[in-house]
Amino acid sequence: MAEVLPAERSEELQRIDADRLGLEGLLDEALTANKIDDEYVKSLKRKIKQLDTLAELEDPGIKARALEVLANGDPVDYIMKVYNRLHVGDTQIGKVLLLSIACQCVLNSDGLQPKLSGPSGKGKTHVARAMFHLIPDVGYKLEGSLSAKSMFYNPDLQPGTIMYSDDIRMGADLEDTLKRAMTNYQQKTMHRVITKDGYRELEIPERLTWWLTSVDSPYSDELLNRLFGLDVDDSPNQDSAVTRQQLTNAKHGEVALPEDEEVKLCRAIIHAVKSRLLIVDIPYADRIVWNGSSDRRNLPRFLDLIRGFAALRFMQRFEVLDNEILADIKDFRLLAIFCG
């Protein structure tokens, strides 16, 4: 009887297997060393976990479904439906968070830096966590508190990282770091120090996006001007909707942040978008009537929202040159609906 062989693994999956094997070897060495370096061990374990997630994204079934949504479906609508399954309401905020991810793939974007505000207990943390959960953990998402210069010292920090910090405590030095990194969105941000080993140049890579939440706004006007302010819905109707969702989830034993097929498909879609670097042309830009010229930051932000919608639908947009696409008028109309 002929033996049925398993399907041949793709080159990318073979590369992931090889990288994982190498990291496992380093981990074995680290765990058997005379003096165990706990931080090094944690770093190796984190990288192995990220490779496992990457292997999930490269699964032929998941990858094919993600590409089908990107090519023929509505990736924004799909992701937002899953987001609203995790978090009821606050749809506009969820879209801004998603578009801030998309703009990291656009080389002519200034970036979107969301700041979520609202009273304690009204859902700003849950909003961010719901969308953050849909980003694959393959090396470009970080969560936690920040010290002023910590990002300069992170050896694994990648371009296009989403940094989520909940209830951030803002000091002058940290604010200076954030302002510089946001201003230098498409370039590295440098920091020069003198250590016991001599002169060092440290850097934060390009296209970092910061998701910040706070009850109030402990920021200077200069930083606020760089942030996309978003207020969570704290209305009685939203309170009732959240209560109904909580009771429904309790009835069916739903976990807050599931690891199901829909979530994995969202991650595969986002990963496919983030795997590209694009230039997005807006061919109808000179026909846009803009009445907010007094604040020069608002128009670039508006245009970046258009670019973000186009980037999320890059497989359905006309490619002028390699990795240069045209935003469709649909992207503008989606934004008009979004703003309306």
C-alpha atoms as a PDB file:
ATOM      1  CA  MET A   1       0.000   0.000   0.000  1.00  0.00           C
ATOM      2  CA  ALA A   2       1.367   3.421  -0.930  1.00  0.00           C
ATOM      3  CA  GLU A   3       2.232   5.653   2.012  1.00  0.00           C
ATOM      4  CA  VAL A   4       0.386   8.975   2.217  1.00  0.00           C
ATOM      5  CA  LEU A   5       2.926  11.679   3.000  1.00  0.00           C
ATOM      6  CA  PRO A   6       2.044  14.889   4.812  1.00  0.00           C
ATOM      7  CA  ALA A   7       1.878  18.028   2.709  1.00  0.00           C
ATOM      8  CA  GLU A   8       5.258  19.643   2.239  1.00  0.00           C
ATOM      9  CA  ARG A   9       5.816  22.546   4.604  1.00  0.00           C
ATOM     10  CA  SER A  10       6.314  25.923   2.979  1.00  0.00           C
ATOM     11  CA  GLU A  11       9.729  27.575   2.898  1.00  0.00           C
ATOM     12  CA  GLU A  12       8.548  30.090   5.491  1.00  0.00           C
ATOM     13  CA  LEU A  13       7.383  27.355   7.880  1.00  0.00           C
ATOM     14  CA  GLN A  14      10.675  25.512   7.370  1.00  0.00           C
ATOM     15  CA  ARG A  15      12.531  28.725   8.238  1.00  0.00           C
ATOM     16  CA  ILE A  16      10.403  29.134  11.359  1.00  0.00           C
ATOM     17  CA  ASP A  17      11.144  25.520  12.351  1.00  0.00           C
ATOM     18  CA  ALA A  18      14.886  26.129  11.932  1.00  0.00           C
ATOM     19  CA  ASP A  19      14.784  29.374  13.933  1.00  0.00           C
ATOM     20  CA  ARG A  20      12.803  27.691  16.695  1.00  0.00           C
ATOM     21  CA  LEU A  21      15.270  24.793  16.854  1.00  0.00           C
ATOM     22  CA  GLY A  22      18.140  27.263  17.179  1.00  0.00           C
ATOM     23  CA  LEU A  23      16.402  29.166  19.985  1.00  0.00           C
ATOM     24  CA  GLU A  24      15.616  25.925  21.816  1.00  0.00           C
ATOM     25  CA  GLY A  25      19.318  25.077  21.705  1.00  0.00           C
ATOM     26  CA  LEU A  26      20.229  28.467  23.138  1.00  0.00           C
ATOM     27  CA  LEU A  27      17.571  28.035  25.825  1.00  0.00           C
ATOM     28  CA  ASP A  28      18.946  24.622  26.830  1.00  0.00           C
ATOM     29  CA  GLU A  29      22.425  26.149  27.128  1.00  0.00           C
ATOM     30  CA  ALA A  30      21.119  29.069  29.155  1.00  0.00           C
ATOM     31  CA  LEU A  31      19.216  26.818  31.569  1.00  0.00           C
ATOM     32  CA  THR A  32      22.238  24.569  32.192  1.00  0.00           C
ATOM     33  CA  ALA A  33      24.746  27.389  32.662  1.00  0.00           C
ATOM     34  CA  ASN A  34      26.495  27.797  36.013  1.00  0.00           C
ATOM     35  CA  LYS A  35      24.738  31.122  36.487  1.00  0.00           C
ATOM     36  CA  ILE A  36      21.323  31.428  34.888  1.00  0.00           C
ATOM     37  CA  ASP A  37      20.540  34.806  33.332  1.00  0.00           C
ATOM     38  CA  ASP A  38      16.816  35.129  34.045  1.00  0.00           C
ATOM     39  CA  GLU A  39      16.270  38.034  31.653  1.00  0.00           C
ATOM     40  CA  TYR A  40      18.019  36.194  28.827  1.00  0.00           C
ATOM     41  CA  VAL A  41      15.920  33.079  29.492  1.00  0.00           C
ATOM     42  CA  LYS A  42      12.715  35.162  29.450  1.00  0.00           C
ATOM     43  CA  SER A  43      13.785  36.744  26.167  1.00  0.00           C
ATOM     44  CA  LEU A  44      14.423  33.354  24.550  1.00  0.00           C
ATOM     45  CA  LYS A  45      11.090  31.956  25.755  1.00  0.00           C
ATOM     46  CA  ARG A  46       9.294  35.045  24.440  1.00  0.00           C
ATOM     47  CA  LYS A  47      10.937  34.659  21.028  1.00  0.00           C
ATOM     48  CA  ILE A  48      10.007  30.966  20.869  1.00  0.00           C
ATOM     49  CA  LYS A  49       6.387  31.851  21.678  1.00  0.00           C
ATOM     50  CA  GLN A  50       6.427  34.508  18.954  1.00  0.00           C
ATOM     51  CA  LEU A  51       7.688  31.946  16.438  1.00  0.00           C
ATOM     52  CA  ASP A  52       4.828  29.620  17.420  1.00  0.00           C
ATOM     53  CA  THR A  53       2.382  32.467  16.734  1.00  0.00           C
ATOM     54  CA  LEU A  54       4.096  33.166  13.413  1.00  0.00           C
ATOM     55  CA  ALA A  55       3.721  29.486  12.488  1.00  0.00           C
ATOM     56  CA  GLU A  56      -0.033  29.788  13.180  1.00  0.00           C
ATOM     57  CA  LEU A  57      -0.199  32.772  10.824  1.00  0.00           C
ATOM     58  CA  GLU A  58       1.623  30.780   8.142  1.00  0.00           C
ATOM     59  CA  ASP A  59      -0.793  27.851   8.432  1.00  0.00           C
ATOM     60  CA  PRO A  60      -1.990  27.344   4.837  1.00  0.00           C
ATOM     61  CA  GLY A  61      -5.675  27.334   5.818  1.00  0.00           C
ATOM     62  CA  ILE A  62      -5.553  30.507   7.931  1.00  0.00           C
ATOM     63  CA  LYS A  63      -3.294  32.301   5.452  1.00  0.00           C
ATOM     64  CA  ALA A  64      -5.530  31.433   2.485  1.00  0.00           C
ATOM     65  CA  ARG A  65      -8.652  32.681   4.290  1.00  0.00           C
ATOM     66  CA  ALA A  66      -6.905  35.918   5.284  1.00  0.00           C
ATOM     67  CA  LEU A  67      -5.780  36.564   1.711  1.00  0.00           C
ATOM     68  CA  GLU A  68      -9.301  35.855   0.470  1.00  0.00           C
ATOM     69  CA  VAL A  69     -10.724  38.512   2.818  1.00  0.00           C
ATOM     70  CA  LEU A  70      -8.006  40.959   1.781  1.00  0.00           C
ATOM     71  CA  ALA A  71      -8.497  40.319  -1.937  1.00  0.00           C
ATOM     72  CA  ASN A  72     -12.258  39.958  -2.208  1.00  0.00           C
ATOM     73  CA  GLY A  73     -13.866  40.793   1.110  1.00  0.00           C
ATOM     74  CA  ASP A  74     -13.913  43.689   3.565  1.00  0.00           C
ATOM     75  CA  PRO A  75     -10.982  43.361   6.008  1.00  0.00           C
ATOM     76  CA  VAL A  76     -12.049  46.416   8.012  1.00  0.00           C
ATOM     77  CA  ASP A  77     -15.584  45.134   8.460  1.00  0.00           C
ATOM     78  CA  TYR A  78     -14.359  41.640   9.367  1.00  0.00           C
ATOM     79  CA  ILE A  79     -11.925  42.865  12.017  1.00  0.00           C
ATOM     80  CA  MET A  80     -14.425  45.345  13.457  1.00  0.00           C
ATOM     81  CA  LYS A  81     -17.091  42.646  13.840  1.00  0.00           C
ATOM     82  CA  VAL A  82     -14.664  40.508  15.820  1.00  0.00           C
ATOM     83  CA  TYR A  83     -13.596  43.559  17.854  1.00  0.00           C
ATOM     84  CA  ASN A  84     -17.254  44.311  18.682  1.00  0.00           C
ATOM     85  CA  ARG A  85     -17.721  40.697  19.742  1.00  0.00           C
ATOM     86  CA  LEU A  86     -14.988  41.297  22.310  1.00  0.00           C
ATOM     87  CA  HIS A  87     -16.007  44.870  23.168  1.00  0.00           C
ATOM     88  CA  VAL A  88     -19.512  46.179  22.607  1.00  0.00           C
ATOM     89  CA  GLY A  89     -19.764  49.726  21.234  1.00  0.00           C
ATOM     90  CA  ASP A  90     -16.941  52.286  20.832  1.00  0.00           C
ATOM     91  CA  THR A  91     -16.730  51.281  17.172  1.00  0.00           C
ATOM     92  CA  GLN A  92     -15.180  54.554  16.025  1.00  0.00           C
ATOM     93  CA  ILE A  93     -12.401  54.240  18.598  1.00  0.00           C
ATOM     94  CA  GLY A  94     -11.752  50.673  17.464  1.00  0.00           C
ATOM     95  CA  LYS A  95     -11.431  51.883  13.868  1.00  0.00           C
ATOM     96  CA  VAL A  96      -8.906  54.566  14.825  1.00  0.00           C
ATOM     97  CA  LEU A  97      -6.839  51.952  16.664  1.00  0.00           C
ATOM     98  CA  LEU A  98      -6.985  49.692  13.598  1.00  0.00           C
ATOM     99  CA  LEU A  99      -6.096  52.552  11.245  1.00  0.00           C
ATOM    100  CA  SER A 100      -3.154  53.491  13.490  1.00  0.00           C
ATOM    101  CA  ILE A 101      -1.792  49.979  12.843  1.00  0.00           C
ATOM    102  CA  ALA A 102      -2.370  50.318   9.098  1.00  0.00           C
ATOM    103  CA  CYS A 103      -0.552  53.664   8.946  1.00  0.00           C
ATOM    104  CA  GLN A 104       2.599  51.944  10.227  1.00  0.00           C
ATOM    105  CA  CYS A 105       2.792  50.311   6.778  1.00  0.00           C
ATOM    106  CA  VAL A 106       2.560  53.637   4.926  1.00  0.00           C
ATOM    107  CA  LEU A 107       5.866  55.351   4.188  1.00  0.00           C
ATOM    108  CA  ASN A 108       4.214  58.736   3.549  1.00  0.00           C
ATOM    109  CA  SER A 109       2.167  58.733   6.760  1.00  0.00           C
ATOM    110  CA  ASP A 110       2.825  60.913   9.818  1.00  0.00           C
ATOM    111  CA  GLY A 111       1.283  58.194  11.989  1.00  0.00           C
ATOM    112  CA  LEU A 112      -1.771  58.143  14.240  1.00  0.00           C
ATOM    113  CA  GLN A 113      -1.152  58.194  18.002  1.00  0.00           C
ATOM    114  CA  PRO A 114      -4.385  57.317  19.862  1.00  0.00           C
ATOM    115  CA  LYS A 115      -5.069  58.686  23.351  1.00  0.00           C
ATOM    116  CA  LEU A 116      -8.056  57.089  25.068  1.00  0.00           C
ATOM    117  CA  SER A 117      -9.707  59.081  27.848  1.00  0.00           C
ATOM    118  CA  GLY A 118     -12.751  58.600  30.022  1.00  0.00           C
ATOM    119  CA  PRO A 119     -13.935  58.137  33.602  1.00  0.00           C
ATOM    120  CA  SER A 120     -12.636  55.179  35.584  1.00  0.00           C
ATOM    121  CA  GLY A 121     -14.598  51.988  34.927  1.00  0.00           C
ATOM    122  CA  LYS A 122     -16.091  53.141  31.619  1.00  0.00           C
ATOM    123  CA  GLY A 123     -14.144  50.834  29.334  1.00  0.00           C
ATOM    124  CA  LYS A 124     -11.128  52.666  27.929  1.00  0.00           C
ATOM    125  CA  THR A 125      -8.797  49.846  29.018  1.00  0.00           C
ATOM    126  CA  HIS A 126     -11.141  47.202  27.616  1.00  0.00           C
ATOM    127  CA  VAL A 127     -11.364  49.052  24.284  1.00  0.00           C
ATOM    128  CA  ALA A 128      -7.584  49.004  23.870  1.00  0.00           C
ATOM    129  CA  ARG A 129      -7.205  45.421  25.082  1.00  0.00           C
ATOM    130  CA  ALA A 130      -9.852  44.151  22.665  1.00  0.00           C
ATOM    131  CA  MET A 131      -8.078  45.551  19.588  1.00  0.00           C
ATOM    132  CA  PHE A 132      -4.613  44.795  21.020  1.00  0.00           C
ATOM    133  CA  HIS A 133      -5.698  41.147  21.323  1.00  0.00           C
ATOM    134  CA  LEU A 134      -6.244  41.029  17.556  1.00  0.00           C
ATOM    135  CA  ILE A 135      -2.621  42.004  16.833  1.00  0.00           C
ATOM    136  CA  PRO A 136      -0.411  38.922  16.453  1.00  0.00           C
ATOM    137  CA  ASP A 137       2.369  38.687  19.023  1.00  0.00           C
ATOM    138  CA  VAL A 138       5.243  38.140  16.604  1.00  0.00           C
ATOM    139  CA  GLY A 139       7.561  40.863  17.873  1.00  0.00           C
ATOM    140  CA  TYR A 140       5.790  44.133  17.082  1.00  0.00           C
ATOM    141  CA  LYS A 141       3.477  44.598  20.065  1.00  0.00           C
ATOM    142  CA  LEU A 142       4.417  45.606  23.609  1.00  0.00           C
ATOM    143  CA  GLU A 143       2.309  46.313  26.668  1.00  0.00           C
ATOM    144  CA  GLY A 144       3.196  47.795  30.037  1.00  0.00           C
ATOM    145  CA  SER A 145       4.436  50.842  31.868  1.00  0.00           C
ATOM    146  CA  LEU A 146       7.281  52.983  30.584  1.00  0.00           C
ATOM    147  CA  SER A 147      10.211  54.769  32.080  1.00  0.00           C
ATOM    148  CA  ALA A 148      11.611  57.798  30.293  1.00  0.00           C
ATOM    149  CA  LYS A 149      14.390  56.108  28.299  1.00  0.00           C
ATOM    150  CA  SER A 150      13.425  52.428  28.534  1.00  0.00           C
ATOM    151  CA  MET A 151      12.551  52.109  24.844  1.00  0.00           C
ATOM    152  CA  PHE A 152      16.062  53.202  23.858  1.00  0.00           C
ATOM    153  CA  TYR A 153      17.491  50.222  25.754  1.00  0.00           C
ATOM    154  CA  ASN A 154      15.163  47.533  24.360  1.00  0.00           C
ATOM    155  CA  PRO A 155      17.387  45.420  22.059  1.00  0.00           C
ATOM    156  CA  ASP A 156      14.426  43.664  20.428  1.00  0.00           C
ATOM    157  CA  LEU A 157      12.367  46.753  19.565  1.00  0.00           C
ATOM    158  CA  GLN A 158      11.249  46.566  15.922  1.00  0.00           C
ATOM    159  CA  PRO A 159      10.110  49.238  13.478  1.00  0.00           C
ATOM    160  CA  GLY A 160       6.324  49.390  13.395  1.00  0.00           C
ATOM    161  CA  THR A 161       5.825  48.322  17.011  1.00  0.00           C
ATOM    162  CA  ILE A 162       2.545  49.109  18.803  1.00  0.00           C
ATOM    163  CA  MET A 163       3.259  50.157  22.384  1.00  0.00           C
ATOM    164  CA  TYR A 164       0.201  50.058  24.660  1.00  0.00           C
ATOM    165  CA  SER A 165       0.487  51.682  28.096  1.00  0.00           C
ATOM    166  CA  ASP A 166      -2.573  51.780  30.351  1.00  0.00           C
ATOM    167  CA  ASP A 167      -3.138  54.619  32.840  1.00  0.00           C
ATOM    168  CA  ILE A 168       0.215  56.087  31.907  1.00  0.00           C
ATOM    169  CA  ARG A 169       2.050  58.300  34.405  1.00  0.00           C
ATOM    170  CA  MET A 170       3.634  61.085  32.404  1.00  0.00           C
ATOM    171  CA  GLY A 171       6.813  62.797  33.578  1.00  0.00           C
ATOM    172  CA  ALA A 172       8.730  65.475  31.709  1.00  0.00           C
ATOM    173  CA  ASP A 173      11.466  63.088  30.502  1.00  0.00           C
ATOM    174  CA  LEU A 174       8.996  60.468  29.245  1.00  0.00           C
ATOM    175  CA  GLU A 175       6.956  63.147  27.498  1.00  0.00           C
ATOM    176  CA  ASP A 176      10.102  64.392  25.782  1.00  0.00           C
ATOM    177  CA  THR A 177      10.832  60.874  24.519  1.00  0.00           C
ATOM    178  CA  LEU A 178       7.294  60.429  23.201  1.00  0.00           C
ATOM    179  CA  LYS A 179       7.244  63.817  21.484  1.00  0.00           C
ATOM    180  CA  ARG A 180      10.540  63.144  19.732  1.00  0.00           C
ATOM    181  CA  ALA A 181       9.555  59.618  18.644  1.00  0.00           C
ATOM    182  CA  MET A 182       6.189  60.825  17.315  1.00  0.00           C
ATOM    183  CA  THR A 183       7.775  63.731  15.449  1.00  0.00           C
ATOM    184  CA  ASN A 184      10.399  61.379  13.975  1.00  0.00           C
ATOM    185  CA  TYR A 185       7.731  58.882  12.958  1.00  0.00           C
ATOM    186  CA  GLN A 186       9.441  57.825   9.732  1.00  0.00           C
ATOM    187  CA  GLN A 187      12.987  58.065  11.137  1.00  0.00           C
ATOM    188  CA  LYS A 188      14.924  56.630  14.034  1.00  0.00           C
ATOM    189  CA  THR A 189      15.004  58.681  17.245  1.00  0.00           C
ATOM    190  CA  MET A 190      18.523  58.940  18.658  1.00  0.00           C
ATOM    191  CA  HIS A 191      19.717  59.207  22.267  1.00  0.00           C
ATOM    192  CA  ARG A 192      23.398  59.622  23.111  1.00  0.00           C
ATOM    193  CA  VAL A 193      24.770  58.644  26.514  1.00  0.00           C
ATOM    194  CA  ILE A 194      28.044  58.210  28.349  1.00  0.00           C
ATOM    195  CA  THR A 195      28.313  54.933  30.264  1.00  0.00           C
ATOM    196  CA  LYS A 196      31.117  53.192  32.140  1.00  0.00           C
ATOM    197  CA  ASP A 197      31.978  51.552  28.815  1.00  0.00           C
ATOM    198  CA  GLY A 198      32.191  54.898  27.031  1.00  0.00           C
ATOM    199  CA  TYR A 199      30.073  56.752  24.480  1.00  0.00           C
ATOM    200  CA  ARG A 200      26.947  55.013  23.144  1.00  0.00           C
ATOM    201  CA  GLU A 201      24.309  55.876  20.592  1.00  0.00           C
ATOM    202  CA  LEU A 202      20.884  54.407  21.344  1.00  0.00           C
ATOM    203  CA  GLU A 203      17.847  54.541  19.116  1.00  0.00           C
ATOM    204  CA  ILE A 204      14.100  54.028  18.945  1.00  0.00           C
ATOM    205  CA  PRO A 205      13.162  52.621  15.529  1.00  0.00           C
ATOM    206  CA  GLU A 206      10.794  54.247  13.101  1.00  0.00           C
ATOM    207  CA  ARG A 207       7.002  54.053  12.841  1.00  0.00           C
ATOM    208  CA  LEU A 208       6.229  53.338  16.488  1.00  0.00           C
ATOM    209  CA  THR A 209       2.619  53.818  17.503  1.00  0.00           C
ATOM    210  CA  TRP A 210       1.710  54.606  21.101  1.00  0.00           C
ATOM    211  CA  TRP A 211      -1.679  53.657  22.537  1.00  0.00           C
ATOM    212  CA  LEU A 212      -2.083  55.633  25.749  1.00  0.00           C
ATOM    213  CA  THR A 213      -4.982  55.595  28.189  1.00  0.00           C
ATOM    214  CA  SER A 214      -5.652  57.905  31.119  1.00  0.00           C
ATOM    215  CA  VAL A 215      -8.563  59.118  33.226  1.00  0.00           C
ATOM    216  CA  ASP A 216      -7.582  62.731  32.615  1.00  0.00           C
ATOM    217  CA  SER A 217      -5.019  64.262  30.242  1.00  0.00           C
ATOM    218  CA  PRO A 218      -1.707  64.573  32.094  1.00  0.00           C
ATOM    219  CA  TYR A 219       0.037  65.880  28.981  1.00  0.00           C
ATOM    220  CA  SER A 220       1.399  69.204  27.804  1.00  0.00           C
ATOM    221  CA  ASP A 221      -0.244  71.003  24.901  1.00  0.00           C
ATOM    222  CA  GLU A 222       2.740  70.074  22.710  1.00  0.00           C
ATOM    223  CA  LEU A 223       2.165  66.353  23.300  1.00  0.00           C
ATOM    224  CA  LEU A 224      -1.620  66.669  23.058  1.00  0.00           C
ATOM    225  CA  ASN A 225      -1.206  68.184  19.600  1.00  0.00           C
ATOM    226  CA  ARG A 226       0.527  64.982  18.503  1.00  0.00           C
ATOM    227  CA  LEU A 227      -2.144  62.672  19.961  1.00  0.00           C
ATOM    228  CA  PHE A 228      -5.444  61.560  18.460  1.00  0.00           C
ATOM    229  CA  GLY A 229      -7.837  62.207  21.333  1.00  0.00           C
ATOM    230  CA  LEU A 230     -10.602  59.626  21.764  1.00  0.00           C
ATOM    231  CA  ASP A 231     -13.283  59.635  24.467  1.00  0.00           C
ATOM    232  CA  VAL A 232     -14.976  56.350  25.326  1.00  0.00           C
ATOM    233  CA  ASP A 233     -18.760  56.221  25.367  1.00  0.00           C
ATOM    234  CA  ASP A 234     -19.825  56.664  29.003  1.00  0.00           C
ATOM    235  CA  SER A 235     -23.530  57.094  28.252  1.00  0.00           C
ATOM    236  CA  PRO A 236     -26.303  55.169  30.085  1.00  0.00           C
ATOM    237  CA  ASN A 237     -27.116  53.350  26.826  1.00  0.00           C
ATOM    238  CA  GLN A 238     -23.531  52.112  26.600  1.00  0.00           C
ATOM    239  CA  ASP A 239     -23.666  51.029  30.266  1.00  0.00           C
ATOM    240  CA  SER A 240     -26.772  48.957  29.470  1.00  0.00           C
ATOM    241  CA  ALA A 241     -25.186  47.431  26.360  1.00  0.00           C
ATOM    242  CA  VAL A 242     -22.090  46.409  28.319  1.00  0.00           C
ATOM    243  CA  THR A 243     -24.253  44.886  31.050  1.00  0.00           C
ATOM    244  CA  ARG A 244     -26.184  42.818  28.492  1.00  0.00           C
ATOM    245  CA  GLN A 245     -22.939  41.587  26.930  1.00  0.00           C
ATOM    246  CA  GLN A 246     -21.467  40.673  30.321  1.00  0.00           C
ATOM    247  CA  LEU A 247     -24.582  38.677  31.238  1.00  0.00           C
ATOM    248  CA  THR A 248     -24.666  36.941  27.845  1.00  0.00           C
ATOM    249  CA  ASN A 249     -20.978  36.017  28.147  1.00  0.00           C
ATOM    250  CA  ALA A 250     -21.585  34.676  31.648  1.00  0.00           C
ATOM    251  CA  LYS A 251     -24.527  32.565  30.411  1.00  0.00           C
ATOM    252  CA  HIS A 252     -22.444  30.922  27.685  1.00  0.00           C
ATOM    253  CA  GLY A 253     -19.142  30.728  29.572  1.00  0.00           C
ATOM    254  CA  GLU A 254     -17.356  33.054  27.184  1.00  0.00           C
ATOM    255  CA  VAL A 255     -13.785  34.066  28.033  1.00  0.00           C
ATOM    256  CA  ALA A 256     -12.909  37.754  27.778  1.00  0.00           C
ATOM    257  CA  LEU A 257     -10.195  37.409  25.143  1.00  0.00           C
ATOM    258  CA  PRO A 258     -10.676  34.131  23.240  1.00  0.00           C
ATOM    259  CA  GLU A 259      -8.147  32.393  21.016  1.00  0.00           C
ATOM    260  CA  ASP A 260     -10.594  31.172  18.389  1.00  0.00           C
ATOM    261  CA  GLU A 261     -10.515  30.943  14.595  1.00  0.00           C
ATOM    262  CA  GLU A 262     -11.995  34.412  14.055  1.00  0.00           C
ATOM    263  CA  VAL A 263      -9.332  35.994  16.278  1.00  0.00           C
ATOM    264  CA  LYS A 264      -6.578  34.070  14.477  1.00  0.00           C
ATOM    265  CA  LEU A 265      -7.947  35.184  11.117  1.00  0.00           C
ATOM    266  CA  CYS A 266      -7.892  38.840  12.257  1.00  0.00           C
ATOM    267  CA  ARG A 267      -4.278  38.391  13.294  1.00  0.00           C
ATOM    268  CA  ALA A 268      -3.409  36.867   9.930  1.00  0.00           C
ATOM    269  CA  ILE A 269      -5.063  39.795   8.113  1.00  0.00           C
ATOM    270  CA  ILE A 270      -3.208  42.360  10.225  1.00  0.00           C
ATOM    271  CA  HIS A 271       0.066  40.487   9.762  1.00  0.00           C
ATOM    272  CA  ALA A 272      -0.379  40.411   5.989  1.00  0.00           C
ATOM    273  CA  VAL A 273      -0.928  44.189   6.002  1.00  0.00           C
ATOM    274  CA  LYS A 274       2.018  44.829   8.326  1.00  0.00           C
ATOM    275  CA  SER A 275       4.264  42.696   6.133  1.00  0.00           C
ATOM    276  CA  ARG A 276       4.153  45.417   3.465  1.00  0.00           C
ATOM    277  CA  LEU A 277       5.586  48.931   3.290  1.00  0.00           C
ATOM    278  CA  LEU A 278       3.541  51.092   0.956  1.00  0.00           C
ATOM    279  CA  ILE A 279       3.326  54.562  -0.491  1.00  0.00           C
ATOM    280  CA  VAL A 280      -0.302  55.626  -0.762  1.00  0.00           C
ATOM    281  CA  ASP A 281      -1.226  58.291  -3.324  1.00  0.00           C
ATOM    282  CA  ILE A 282      -4.530  60.127  -2.906  1.00  0.00           C
ATOM    283  CA  PRO A 283      -5.260  61.137  -6.535  1.00  0.00           C
ATOM    284  CA  TYR A 284      -8.295  63.250  -5.609  1.00  0.00           C
ATOM    285  CA  ALA A 285      -6.559  65.127  -2.769  1.00  0.00           C
ATOM    286  CA  ASP A 286      -6.677  68.476  -4.585  1.00  0.00           C
ATOM    287  CA  ARG A 287     -10.480  68.164  -4.800  1.00  0.00           C
ATOM    288  CA  ILE A 288     -10.929  67.858  -1.030  1.00  0.00           C
ATOM    289  CA  VAL A 289     -12.484  70.996   0.456  1.00  0.00           C
ATOM    290  CA  TRP A 290     -10.864  71.537   3.859  1.00  0.00           C
ATOM    291  CA  ASN A 291     -12.275  74.134   6.252  1.00  0.00           C
ATOM    292  CA  GLY A 292     -10.021  73.517   9.238  1.00  0.00           C
ATOM    293  CA  SER A 293      -6.854  75.228   8.057  1.00  0.00           C
ATOM    294  CA  SER A 294      -6.236  77.021  11.367  1.00  0.00           C
ATOM    295  CA  ASP A 295      -4.808  73.799  12.888  1.00  0.00           C
ATOM    296  CA  ARG A 296      -2.241  72.439  10.462  1.00  0.00           C
ATOM    297  CA  ARG A 297      -2.077  69.026  12.150  1.00  0.00           C
ATOM    298  CA  ASN A 298      -5.692  68.106  11.432  1.00  0.00           C
ATOM    299  CA  LEU A 299      -5.485  67.797   7.642  1.00  0.00           C
ATOM    300  CA  PRO A 300      -2.462  65.426   7.680  1.00  0.00           C
ATOM    301  CA  ARG A 301      -4.333  63.331  10.264  1.00  0.00           C
ATOM    302  CA  PHE A 302      -7.430  63.263   8.034  1.00  0.00           C
ATOM    303  CA  LEU A 303      -5.316  62.214   5.039  1.00  0.00           C
ATOM    304  CA  ASP A 304      -3.656  59.510   7.117  1.00  0.00           C
ATOM    305  CA  LEU A 305      -7.072  58.048   7.906  1.00  0.00           C
ATOM    306  CA  ILE A 306      -7.669  57.769   4.143  1.00  0.00           C
ATOM    307  CA  ARG A 307      -4.239  56.189   3.691  1.00  0.00           C
ATOM    308  CA  GLY A 308      -4.989  53.726   6.499  1.00  0.00           C
ATOM    309  CA  PHE A 309      -8.241  52.591   4.883  1.00  0.00           C
ATOM    310  CA  ALA A 310      -6.384  52.133   1.571  1.00  0.00           C
ATOM    311  CA  ALA A 311      -3.534  50.186   3.210  1.00  0.00           C
ATOM    312  CA  LEU A 312      -5.979  47.776   4.841  1.00  0.00           C
ATOM    313  CA  ARG A 313      -7.410  47.128   1.382  1.00  0.00           C
ATOM    314  CA  PHE A 314      -4.064  47.146  -0.449  1.00  0.00           C
ATOM    315  CA  MET A 315      -4.933  44.003  -2.399  1.00  0.00           C
ATOM    316  CA  GLN A 316      -8.001  45.762  -3.832  1.00  0.00           C
ATOM    317  CA  ARG A 317      -6.252  49.024  -4.732  1.00  0.00           C
ATOM    318  CA  PHE A 318      -4.567  49.902  -8.032  1.00  0.00           C
ATOM    319  CA  GLU A 319      -0.793  49.480  -7.813  1.00  0.00           C
ATOM    320  CA  VAL A 320       0.942  52.312  -9.689  1.00  0.00           C
ATOM    321  CA  LEU A 321       4.439  50.996  -9.078  1.00  0.00           C
ATOM    322  CA  ASP A 322       5.852  48.297  -6.842  1.00  0.00           C
ATOM    323  CA  ASN A 323       4.431  48.961  -3.360  1.00  0.00           C
ATOM    324  CA  GLU A 324       2.800  52.237  -4.435  1.00  0.00           C
ATOM    325  CA  ILE A 325      -0.993  52.187  -4.494  1.00  0.00           C
ATOM    326  CA  LEU A 326      -3.821  54.611  -5.202  1.00  0.00           C
ATOM    327  CA  ALA A 327      -6.379  55.362  -2.530  1.00  0.00           C
ATOM    328  CA  ASP A 328      -9.820  54.814  -3.988  1.00  0.00           C
ATOM    329  CA  ILE A 329     -12.646  57.326  -3.609  1.00  0.00           C
ATOM    330  CA  LYS A 330     -14.282  54.591  -1.511  1.00  0.00           C
ATOM    331  CA  ASP A 331     -11.605  55.204   1.134  1.00  0.00           C
ATOM    332  CA  PHE A 332     -12.678  58.850   1.320  1.00  0.00           C
ATOM    333  CA  ARG A 333     -16.351  57.898   1.485  1.00  0.00           C
ATOM    334  CA  LEU A 334     -15.659  55.382   4.234  1.00  0.00           C
ATOM    335  CA  LEU A 335     -13.974  58.173   6.139  1.00  0.00           C
ATOM    336  CA  ALA A 336     -16.949  60.466   5.548  1.00  0.00           C
ATOM    337  CA  ILE A 337     -19.222  57.782   7.033  1.00  0.00           C
ATOM    338  CA  PHE A 338     -16.699  57.277   9.824  1.00  0.00           C
ATOM    339  CA  CYS A 339     -16.618  60.989  10.677  1.00  0.00           C
ATOM    340  CA  GLY A 340     -20.327  61.485  10.177  1.00  0.00           C
END
